[in-house]
């Protein structure tokens, strides 16, 4: 069983979640590849499971304008944020638009990081990822969101939840194999 875990992260939260998921998959004997959307393969060929994650920006997936806004936030010393993603033109949104889907890839999962407010107010990038994956013949897409606080830091326990979710994905992969 091979898995591809693709993410976009502006301040490190989504990366941390992706790393936790990937580590759990590997501990569960899944051959997992972790990569950013900027350098991810343009095809799911060779992968049984595709896991995609992004931060929630303006109720959905990041776009060039929201990535520029994130860079402005990182430049504000009062926010104490470090920008990880320098490419404003290419992230999960653009990667999914260019992705070729293989018939072999039959398990799909979407995750996001988002503000600790009601989903209806914050939006959720995982919903947008799920919609795009379903548009490419994915019958079922597992979905989860992970919460950041008002200072844009992962809420305590979210990495553990990501590991639990990764274990659930590994179990689904084992059943499907």
N, C-alpha and C. Protein backbone atom coordinates (compact mmCIF):
# COMPACT_ATOMS: atom_id res chain seq x y z
N UNK A 1 0.84 -1.17 0.00
CA UNK A 1 0.00 0.00 0.00
C UNK A 1 0.89 1.23 0.00
N UNK A 2 0.64 2.13 -0.96
CA UNK A 2 1.41 3.38 -1.05
C UNK A 2 0.47 4.57 -0.89
N UNK A 3 0.93 5.57 -0.16
CA UNK A 3 0.14 6.77 0.08
C UNK A 3 0.94 8.00 -0.32
N UNK A 4 0.24 8.99 -0.85
CA UNK A 4 0.82 10.29 -1.16
C UNK A 4 0.12 11.31 -0.28
N UNK A 5 0.90 12.01 0.55
CA UNK A 5 0.36 13.04 1.44
C UNK A 5 0.89 14.38 0.93
N UNK A 6 -0.02 15.21 0.42
CA UNK A 6 0.33 16.50 -0.18
C UNK A 6 -0.28 17.61 0.66
N UNK A 7 0.51 18.65 0.91
CA UNK A 7 0.00 19.74 1.73
C UNK A 7 0.55 21.08 1.26
N UNK A 8 -0.12 22.11 1.74
CA UNK A 8 0.33 23.50 1.61
C UNK A 8 0.27 24.07 3.01
N UNK A 9 1.31 24.77 3.43
CA UNK A 9 1.34 25.33 4.78
C UNK A 9 1.97 26.72 4.73
N UNK A 10 1.32 27.66 5.35
CA UNK A 10 1.85 29.02 5.38
C UNK A 10 2.71 29.26 6.63
N UNK A 11 2.22 28.83 7.80
CA UNK A 11 2.90 29.12 9.06
C UNK A 11 3.33 27.86 9.83
N UNK A 12 3.21 26.69 9.20
CA UNK A 12 3.69 25.45 9.80
C UNK A 12 2.64 24.55 10.41
N UNK A 13 1.43 25.05 10.60
CA UNK A 13 0.40 24.22 11.23
C UNK A 13 -0.05 23.07 10.34
N UNK A 14 -0.31 23.35 9.09
CA UNK A 14 -0.77 22.30 8.18
C UNK A 14 0.36 21.30 7.93
N UNK A 15 1.60 21.78 7.85
CA UNK A 15 2.74 20.88 7.72
C UNK A 15 2.82 19.94 8.91
N UNK A 16 2.66 20.46 10.12
CA UNK A 16 2.74 19.63 11.32
C UNK A 16 1.67 18.53 11.30
N UNK A 17 0.48 18.87 10.87
CA UNK A 17 -0.60 17.88 10.77
C UNK A 17 -0.25 16.84 9.71
N UNK A 18 0.23 17.29 8.55
CA UNK A 18 0.61 16.36 7.48
C UNK A 18 1.72 15.42 7.94
N UNK A 19 2.69 15.94 8.67
CA UNK A 19 3.77 15.10 9.19
C UNK A 19 3.25 14.05 10.16
N UNK A 20 2.31 14.45 11.03
CA UNK A 20 1.73 13.50 11.99
C UNK A 20 0.97 12.39 11.27
N UNK A 21 0.20 12.76 10.26
CA UNK A 21 -0.55 11.77 9.48
C UNK A 21 0.41 10.81 8.78
N UNK A 22 1.42 11.36 8.14
CA UNK A 22 2.39 10.55 7.39
C UNK A 22 3.14 9.60 8.33
N UNK A 23 3.56 10.10 9.47
CA UNK A 23 4.28 9.26 10.44
C UNK A 23 3.41 8.09 10.89
N UNK A 24 2.14 8.33 11.16
CA UNK A 24 1.24 7.27 11.57
C UNK A 24 1.02 6.26 10.45
N UNK A 25 0.89 6.75 9.23
CA UNK A 25 0.75 5.83 8.09
C UNK A 25 1.97 4.92 8.00
N UNK A 26 3.16 5.52 8.13
CA UNK A 26 4.39 4.73 8.05
C UNK A 26 4.48 3.71 9.18
N UNK A 27 4.08 4.10 10.39
CA UNK A 27 4.08 3.17 11.53
C UNK A 27 3.10 2.02 11.31
N UNK A 28 2.13 2.26 10.44
CA UNK A 28 1.11 1.25 10.14
C UNK A 28 1.45 0.46 8.88
N UNK A 29 2.71 0.50 8.47
CA UNK A 29 3.23 -0.25 7.33
C UNK A 29 2.71 0.24 5.99
N UNK A 30 2.32 1.49 5.91
CA UNK A 30 1.96 2.11 4.64
C UNK A 30 3.19 2.86 4.15
N UNK A 31 3.57 2.64 2.91
CA UNK A 31 4.69 3.36 2.29
C UNK A 31 4.19 4.75 1.93
N UNK A 32 4.50 5.74 2.77
CA UNK A 32 3.94 7.08 2.61
C UNK A 32 4.98 8.08 2.13
N UNK A 33 4.58 8.89 1.17
CA UNK A 33 5.41 9.97 0.64
C UNK A 33 4.78 11.29 1.07
N UNK A 34 5.56 12.14 1.72
CA UNK A 34 5.10 13.45 2.17
C UNK A 34 5.74 14.52 1.30
N UNK A 35 4.92 15.45 0.78
CA UNK A 35 5.45 16.50 -0.08
C UNK A 35 4.55 17.72 -0.06
N UNK A 36 5.14 18.85 -0.40
CA UNK A 36 4.33 20.06 -0.57
C UNK A 36 3.70 20.04 -1.96
N UNK A 37 2.63 20.80 -2.10
CA UNK A 37 1.95 20.88 -3.40
C UNK A 37 2.87 21.46 -4.46
N UNK A 38 3.78 22.32 -4.06
CA UNK A 38 4.67 22.97 -5.02
C UNK A 38 5.57 21.98 -5.77
N UNK A 39 5.89 20.85 -5.13
CA UNK A 39 6.79 19.88 -5.77
C UNK A 39 6.18 18.48 -5.88
N UNK A 40 4.89 18.36 -5.61
CA UNK A 40 4.21 17.06 -5.65
C UNK A 40 4.13 16.53 -7.07
N UNK A 41 4.06 15.19 -7.22
CA UNK A 41 3.88 14.61 -8.55
C UNK A 41 2.58 15.12 -9.18
N UNK A 42 2.54 15.16 -10.48
CA UNK A 42 1.35 15.65 -11.19
C UNK A 42 0.39 14.53 -11.54
N UNK A 43 0.61 13.35 -10.93
CA UNK A 43 -0.26 12.21 -11.16
C UNK A 43 -0.33 11.38 -9.88
N UNK A 44 -1.46 10.72 -9.68
CA UNK A 44 -1.59 9.82 -8.53
C UNK A 44 -1.15 8.40 -8.88
N UNK A 45 -0.62 8.21 -10.08
CA UNK A 45 -0.16 6.88 -10.50
C UNK A 45 0.84 6.34 -9.49
N UNK A 46 0.65 5.10 -9.10
CA UNK A 46 1.55 4.47 -8.15
C UNK A 46 1.13 4.63 -6.71
N UNK A 47 0.05 5.32 -6.45
CA UNK A 47 -0.42 5.54 -5.09
C UNK A 47 -1.85 5.01 -4.93
N UNK A 48 -2.07 4.30 -3.83
CA UNK A 48 -3.40 3.76 -3.53
C UNK A 48 -4.24 4.77 -2.75
N UNK A 49 -3.57 5.56 -1.92
CA UNK A 49 -4.22 6.53 -1.04
C UNK A 49 -3.67 7.91 -1.33
N UNK A 50 -4.55 8.89 -1.46
CA UNK A 50 -4.16 10.29 -1.63
C UNK A 50 -4.74 11.08 -0.47
N UNK A 51 -3.86 11.77 0.29
CA UNK A 51 -4.26 12.62 1.40
C UNK A 51 -3.81 14.04 1.05
N UNK A 52 -4.75 14.99 1.07
CA UNK A 52 -4.44 16.37 0.68
C UNK A 52 -4.89 17.32 1.77
N UNK A 53 -4.01 18.27 2.13
CA UNK A 53 -4.36 19.23 3.17
C UNK A 53 -3.89 20.63 2.87
N UNK A 54 -4.63 21.61 3.42
CA UNK A 54 -4.31 23.02 3.23
C UNK A 54 -4.89 23.84 4.37
N UNK A 55 -4.33 25.03 4.59
CA UNK A 55 -4.95 25.93 5.55
C UNK A 55 -6.21 26.56 4.94
N UNK A 56 -7.11 26.97 5.78
CA UNK A 56 -8.32 27.65 5.31
C UNK A 56 -8.03 29.14 5.21
N UNK A 57 -8.22 29.67 4.01
CA UNK A 57 -8.06 31.11 3.75
C UNK A 57 -9.36 31.64 3.17
N UNK A 58 -9.91 32.66 3.76
CA UNK A 58 -11.13 33.30 3.23
C UNK A 58 -12.19 32.26 2.89
N UNK A 59 -12.45 31.35 3.84
CA UNK A 59 -13.49 30.33 3.76
C UNK A 59 -13.18 29.16 2.83
N UNK A 60 -11.99 29.09 2.22
CA UNK A 60 -11.73 28.03 1.25
C UNK A 60 -10.23 27.76 1.15
N UNK A 61 -9.84 27.25 -0.02
CA UNK A 61 -8.43 26.99 -0.29
C UNK A 61 -7.67 28.29 -0.49
N UNK A 62 -6.39 28.30 -0.10
CA UNK A 62 -5.57 29.48 -0.39
C UNK A 62 -5.52 29.76 -1.89
N UNK A 63 -5.40 31.03 -2.21
CA UNK A 63 -5.23 31.48 -3.59
C UNK A 63 -4.11 32.51 -3.57
N UNK A 64 -3.61 32.94 -4.72
CA UNK A 64 -2.49 33.88 -4.71
C UNK A 64 -2.71 35.11 -3.83
N UNK A 65 -3.89 35.69 -3.85
CA UNK A 65 -4.15 36.89 -3.05
C UNK A 65 -4.11 36.60 -1.55
N UNK A 66 -4.63 35.44 -1.13
CA UNK A 66 -4.61 35.12 0.30
C UNK A 66 -3.20 34.72 0.76
N UNK A 67 -2.42 34.16 -0.15
CA UNK A 67 -1.03 33.84 0.20
C UNK A 67 -0.22 35.13 0.37
N UNK A 68 -0.50 36.13 -0.44
CA UNK A 68 0.15 37.44 -0.26
C UNK A 68 -0.24 38.06 1.08
N UNK A 69 -1.50 37.92 1.45
CA UNK A 69 -1.96 38.42 2.75
C UNK A 69 -1.24 37.70 3.88
N UNK A 70 -1.05 36.40 3.76
CA UNK A 70 -0.32 35.64 4.78
C UNK A 70 1.12 36.14 4.90
N UNK A 71 1.73 36.48 3.77
CA UNK A 71 3.09 37.03 3.80
C UNK A 71 3.11 38.36 4.55
N UNK A 72 2.08 39.16 4.37
CA UNK A 72 1.99 40.44 5.11
C UNK A 72 1.85 40.18 6.60
N UNK A 73 1.06 39.19 6.97
CA UNK A 73 0.92 38.84 8.39
C UNK A 73 2.27 38.44 8.97
N UNK A 74 3.02 37.63 8.22
CA UNK A 74 4.32 37.17 8.70
C UNK A 74 5.31 38.32 8.84
N UNK A 75 5.15 39.36 8.03
CA UNK A 75 6.04 40.52 8.10
C UNK A 75 5.72 41.43 9.28
N UNK A 76 4.57 41.24 9.91
CA UNK A 76 4.16 42.04 11.06
C UNK A 76 4.79 41.45 12.32
N UNK A 77 5.78 42.15 12.93
CA UNK A 77 6.47 41.59 14.10
C UNK A 77 5.54 41.32 15.28
N UNK A 78 4.43 42.00 15.36
CA UNK A 78 3.50 41.79 16.46
C UNK A 78 2.83 40.41 16.39
N UNK A 79 2.77 39.81 15.21
CA UNK A 79 2.10 38.51 15.04
C UNK A 79 3.03 37.33 15.34
N UNK A 80 4.32 37.53 15.36
CA UNK A 80 5.32 36.47 15.59
C UNK A 80 5.04 35.20 14.79
N UNK A 81 4.84 35.36 13.48
CA UNK A 81 4.61 34.25 12.57
C UNK A 81 5.80 34.12 11.63
N UNK A 82 6.11 32.90 11.25
CA UNK A 82 7.17 32.65 10.29
C UNK A 82 6.54 32.04 9.04
N UNK A 83 6.77 32.67 7.91
CA UNK A 83 6.20 32.21 6.65
C UNK A 83 6.99 31.02 6.11
N UNK A 84 6.31 29.93 5.79
CA UNK A 84 6.95 28.75 5.20
C UNK A 84 6.80 28.71 3.70
N UNK A 85 5.68 29.16 3.21
CA UNK A 85 5.33 29.00 1.79
C UNK A 85 5.64 30.30 1.04
N UNK A 86 6.64 30.28 0.20
CA UNK A 86 7.05 31.49 -0.50
C UNK A 86 6.42 31.63 -1.88
N UNK A 87 5.93 30.54 -2.45
CA UNK A 87 5.37 30.56 -3.80
C UNK A 87 3.91 30.97 -3.74
N UNK A 88 3.60 32.21 -4.08
CA UNK A 88 2.21 32.68 -3.99
C UNK A 88 1.34 32.14 -5.11
N UNK A 89 1.95 31.66 -6.19
CA UNK A 89 1.17 31.24 -7.35
C UNK A 89 0.84 29.75 -7.39
N UNK A 90 1.44 28.95 -6.52
CA UNK A 90 1.21 27.51 -6.62
C UNK A 90 1.04 26.87 -5.25
N UNK A 91 -0.13 26.30 -5.03
CA UNK A 91 -0.43 25.58 -3.79
C UNK A 91 -1.37 24.44 -4.10
N UNK A 92 -2.10 23.99 -3.11
CA UNK A 92 -3.01 22.85 -3.27
C UNK A 92 -4.07 23.12 -4.33
N UNK A 93 -4.66 24.32 -4.31
CA UNK A 93 -5.70 24.65 -5.30
C UNK A 93 -5.19 24.41 -6.73
N UNK A 94 -4.05 24.96 -7.04
CA UNK A 94 -3.49 24.87 -8.38
C UNK A 94 -3.02 23.44 -8.69
N UNK A 95 -2.45 22.77 -7.68
CA UNK A 95 -2.00 21.40 -7.87
C UNK A 95 -3.17 20.49 -8.22
N UNK A 96 -4.26 20.62 -7.48
CA UNK A 96 -5.44 19.79 -7.76
C UNK A 96 -5.99 20.07 -9.16
N UNK A 97 -5.93 21.32 -9.60
CA UNK A 97 -6.41 21.66 -10.95
C UNK A 97 -5.59 20.97 -12.04
N UNK A 98 -4.31 20.70 -11.76
CA UNK A 98 -3.41 20.11 -12.75
C UNK A 98 -3.25 18.59 -12.60
N UNK A 99 -3.80 18.02 -11.54
CA UNK A 99 -3.55 16.63 -11.19
C UNK A 99 -4.23 15.64 -12.13
N UNK A 100 -3.47 14.62 -12.53
CA UNK A 100 -4.02 13.50 -13.30
C UNK A 100 -4.28 12.36 -12.31
N UNK A 101 -5.49 11.82 -12.34
CA UNK A 101 -5.89 10.78 -11.41
C UNK A 101 -5.73 9.40 -12.04
N UNK A 102 -5.13 8.49 -11.28
CA UNK A 102 -4.95 7.11 -11.71
C UNK A 102 -6.12 6.26 -11.21
N UNK A 103 -6.50 5.25 -11.99
CA UNK A 103 -7.55 4.33 -11.55
C UNK A 103 -7.12 3.53 -10.32
N UNK A 104 -5.82 3.40 -10.14
CA UNK A 104 -5.30 2.65 -9.00
C UNK A 104 -5.57 3.38 -7.68
N UNK A 105 -5.61 4.68 -7.71
CA UNK A 105 -5.83 5.46 -6.49
C UNK A 105 -7.32 5.38 -6.16
N UNK A 106 -7.64 4.69 -5.07
CA UNK A 106 -9.03 4.47 -4.75
C UNK A 106 -9.43 4.96 -3.36
N UNK A 107 -8.48 5.46 -2.58
CA UNK A 107 -8.78 6.03 -1.28
C UNK A 107 -8.35 7.49 -1.27
N UNK A 108 -9.25 8.35 -0.79
CA UNK A 108 -9.00 9.79 -0.81
C UNK A 108 -9.32 10.38 0.56
N UNK A 109 -8.51 11.36 0.97
CA UNK A 109 -8.75 12.04 2.24
C UNK A 109 -8.36 13.51 2.09
N UNK A 110 -9.16 14.36 2.72
CA UNK A 110 -8.93 15.81 2.69
C UNK A 110 -8.87 16.33 4.12
N UNK A 111 -7.91 17.21 4.39
CA UNK A 111 -7.87 17.84 5.72
C UNK A 111 -7.51 19.30 5.59
N UNK A 112 -7.82 20.03 6.66
CA UNK A 112 -7.50 21.46 6.68
C UNK A 112 -7.12 21.88 8.09
N UNK A 113 -6.54 23.05 8.17
CA UNK A 113 -6.41 23.75 9.43
C UNK A 113 -7.28 24.99 9.29
N UNK A 114 -7.95 25.35 10.39
CA UNK A 114 -8.85 26.50 10.33
C UNK A 114 -8.97 27.12 11.72
N UNK A 115 -9.52 28.33 11.74
CA UNK A 115 -9.69 29.07 12.98
C UNK A 115 -10.69 28.37 13.90
N UNK A 116 -10.51 28.61 15.18
CA UNK A 116 -11.35 28.00 16.21
C UNK A 116 -12.67 28.77 16.37
N UNK A 117 -13.42 28.81 15.28
CA UNK A 117 -14.76 29.38 15.29
C UNK A 117 -15.66 28.45 14.48
N UNK A 118 -16.95 28.67 14.53
CA UNK A 118 -17.87 27.79 13.81
C UNK A 118 -17.48 27.68 12.34
N UNK A 119 -17.58 26.46 11.82
CA UNK A 119 -17.24 26.20 10.42
C UNK A 119 -18.01 27.13 9.48
N UNK A 120 -19.25 27.40 9.81
CA UNK A 120 -20.07 28.27 8.96
C UNK A 120 -19.47 29.67 8.84
N UNK A 121 -18.77 30.11 9.86
CA UNK A 121 -18.14 31.44 9.83
C UNK A 121 -16.72 31.40 9.27
N UNK A 122 -15.98 30.34 9.59
CA UNK A 122 -14.58 30.25 9.17
C UNK A 122 -14.42 29.68 7.77
N UNK A 123 -15.37 28.83 7.36
CA UNK A 123 -15.16 28.06 6.15
C UNK A 123 -14.25 26.90 6.47
N UNK A 124 -13.92 26.12 5.45
CA UNK A 124 -13.08 24.95 5.67
C UNK A 124 -12.47 24.52 4.34
N UNK A 125 -11.15 24.60 4.23
CA UNK A 125 -10.47 24.21 2.99
C UNK A 125 -10.69 22.73 2.68
N UNK A 126 -10.91 21.90 3.71
CA UNK A 126 -11.13 20.47 3.47
C UNK A 126 -12.38 20.23 2.63
N UNK A 127 -13.39 21.06 2.82
CA UNK A 127 -14.61 20.94 2.02
C UNK A 127 -14.30 21.20 0.55
N UNK A 128 -13.49 22.22 0.28
CA UNK A 128 -13.12 22.53 -1.11
C UNK A 128 -12.25 21.43 -1.71
N UNK A 129 -11.34 20.88 -0.92
CA UNK A 129 -10.50 19.78 -1.40
C UNK A 129 -11.38 18.57 -1.72
N UNK A 130 -12.29 18.25 -0.81
CA UNK A 130 -13.19 17.11 -1.01
C UNK A 130 -14.01 17.28 -2.29
N UNK A 131 -14.53 18.47 -2.50
CA UNK A 131 -15.32 18.74 -3.71
C UNK A 131 -14.48 18.52 -4.96
N UNK A 132 -13.25 18.98 -4.95
CA UNK A 132 -12.38 18.82 -6.13
C UNK A 132 -12.01 17.35 -6.34
N UNK A 133 -11.77 16.62 -5.27
CA UNK A 133 -11.45 15.20 -5.40
C UNK A 133 -12.66 14.42 -5.91
N UNK A 134 -13.84 14.73 -5.40
CA UNK A 134 -15.05 14.04 -5.86
C UNK A 134 -15.33 14.34 -7.33
N UNK A 135 -14.91 15.50 -7.79
CA UNK A 135 -15.07 15.85 -9.19
C UNK A 135 -14.20 15.03 -10.12
N UNK A 136 -13.25 14.30 -9.53
CA UNK A 136 -12.34 13.45 -10.32
C UNK A 136 -12.55 11.99 -9.99
N UNK A 137 -13.77 11.57 -9.89
CA UNK A 137 -14.18 10.17 -9.73
C UNK A 137 -13.91 9.58 -8.36
N UNK A 138 -13.58 10.36 -7.38
CA UNK A 138 -13.43 9.83 -6.03
C UNK A 138 -14.84 9.63 -5.46
N UNK A 139 -15.23 8.39 -5.25
CA UNK A 139 -16.58 8.12 -4.75
C UNK A 139 -16.76 8.59 -3.32
N UNK A 140 -15.76 8.35 -2.50
CA UNK A 140 -15.85 8.72 -1.09
C UNK A 140 -14.55 9.40 -0.69
N UNK A 141 -14.65 10.48 0.06
CA UNK A 141 -13.48 11.21 0.52
C UNK A 141 -13.61 11.39 2.03
N UNK A 142 -12.67 10.83 2.77
CA UNK A 142 -12.61 11.08 4.22
C UNK A 142 -12.23 12.54 4.42
N UNK A 143 -12.74 13.15 5.48
CA UNK A 143 -12.45 14.58 5.68
C UNK A 143 -12.31 14.88 7.16
N UNK A 144 -11.35 15.75 7.48
CA UNK A 144 -11.12 16.17 8.85
C UNK A 144 -10.56 17.59 8.85
N UNK A 145 -10.85 18.34 9.91
CA UNK A 145 -10.23 19.66 10.06
C UNK A 145 -9.58 19.74 11.44
N UNK A 146 -8.52 20.52 11.50
CA UNK A 146 -7.74 20.68 12.71
C UNK A 146 -7.70 22.16 13.04
N UNK A 147 -7.77 22.48 14.31
CA UNK A 147 -8.04 23.84 14.77
C UNK A 147 -6.78 24.57 15.20
N UNK A 148 -6.72 25.86 14.81
CA UNK A 148 -5.67 26.76 15.28
C UNK A 148 -6.33 27.84 16.15
N UNK A 149 -5.56 28.38 17.08
CA UNK A 149 -6.10 29.40 17.98
C UNK A 149 -5.99 30.80 17.37
N UNK A 150 -6.33 31.80 18.13
CA UNK A 150 -6.34 33.18 17.63
C UNK A 150 -4.94 33.69 17.30
N UNK A 151 -3.90 33.03 17.80
CA UNK A 151 -2.52 33.42 17.49
C UNK A 151 -1.95 32.57 16.37
N UNK A 152 -2.82 31.81 15.70
CA UNK A 152 -2.45 30.94 14.58
C UNK A 152 -1.48 29.84 15.00
N UNK A 153 -1.78 29.20 16.11
CA UNK A 153 -1.01 28.08 16.61
C UNK A 153 -1.98 26.89 16.77
N UNK A 154 -1.52 25.69 16.48
CA UNK A 154 -2.37 24.51 16.66
C UNK A 154 -2.84 24.41 18.10
N UNK A 155 -4.12 24.14 18.27
CA UNK A 155 -4.70 23.94 19.59
C UNK A 155 -4.11 22.64 20.16
N UNK A 156 -3.90 22.62 21.46
CA UNK A 156 -3.34 21.44 22.12
C UNK A 156 -4.19 20.20 21.79
N UNK A 157 -3.51 19.13 21.46
CA UNK A 157 -4.18 17.87 21.16
C UNK A 157 -4.45 17.64 19.67
N UNK A 158 -4.26 18.64 18.84
CA UNK A 158 -4.57 18.48 17.42
C UNK A 158 -3.60 17.54 16.72
N UNK A 159 -2.35 17.55 17.11
CA UNK A 159 -1.39 16.60 16.50
C UNK A 159 -1.75 15.16 16.88
N UNK A 160 -2.19 14.97 18.11
CA UNK A 160 -2.65 13.63 18.52
C UNK A 160 -3.87 13.22 17.71
N UNK A 161 -4.79 14.15 17.49
CA UNK A 161 -5.97 13.84 16.67
C UNK A 161 -5.56 13.49 15.24
N UNK A 162 -4.53 14.18 14.73
CA UNK A 162 -4.03 13.89 13.38
C UNK A 162 -3.45 12.48 13.32
N UNK A 163 -2.74 12.07 14.37
CA UNK A 163 -2.21 10.71 14.41
C UNK A 163 -3.34 9.69 14.46
N UNK A 164 -4.38 9.97 15.25
CA UNK A 164 -5.53 9.07 15.31
C UNK A 164 -6.21 8.96 13.94
N UNK A 165 -6.34 10.09 13.26
CA UNK A 165 -6.97 10.08 11.94
C UNK A 165 -6.10 9.32 10.95
N UNK A 166 -4.79 9.50 11.04
CA UNK A 166 -3.86 8.75 10.19
C UNK A 166 -4.00 7.25 10.42
N UNK A 167 -4.19 6.85 11.67
CA UNK A 167 -4.39 5.43 11.99
C UNK A 167 -5.69 4.93 11.35
N UNK A 168 -6.72 5.76 11.39
CA UNK A 168 -7.99 5.40 10.76
C UNK A 168 -7.81 5.24 9.24
N UNK A 169 -7.06 6.16 8.63
CA UNK A 169 -6.79 6.07 7.19
C UNK A 169 -5.99 4.81 6.87
N UNK A 170 -5.03 4.48 7.71
CA UNK A 170 -4.23 3.27 7.50
C UNK A 170 -5.12 2.03 7.58
N UNK A 171 -6.08 2.03 8.51
CA UNK A 171 -7.01 0.93 8.62
C UNK A 171 -7.88 0.79 7.39
N UNK A 172 -8.36 1.92 6.87
CA UNK A 172 -9.17 1.90 5.65
C UNK A 172 -8.33 1.40 4.48
N UNK A 173 -7.06 1.79 4.45
CA UNK A 173 -6.17 1.35 3.37
C UNK A 173 -5.94 -0.16 3.44
N UNK A 174 -5.80 -0.69 4.66
CA UNK A 174 -5.57 -2.13 4.83
C UNK A 174 -6.80 -2.92 4.38
N UNK A 175 -7.98 -2.42 4.69
CA UNK A 175 -9.22 -3.10 4.26
C UNK A 175 -9.35 -3.09 2.75
N UNK A 176 -8.98 -1.97 2.14
CA UNK A 176 -9.13 -1.83 0.69
C UNK A 176 -8.08 -2.63 -0.09
N UNK A 177 -6.97 -2.96 0.57
CA UNK A 177 -5.87 -3.64 -0.14
C UNK A 177 -6.18 -5.04 -0.55
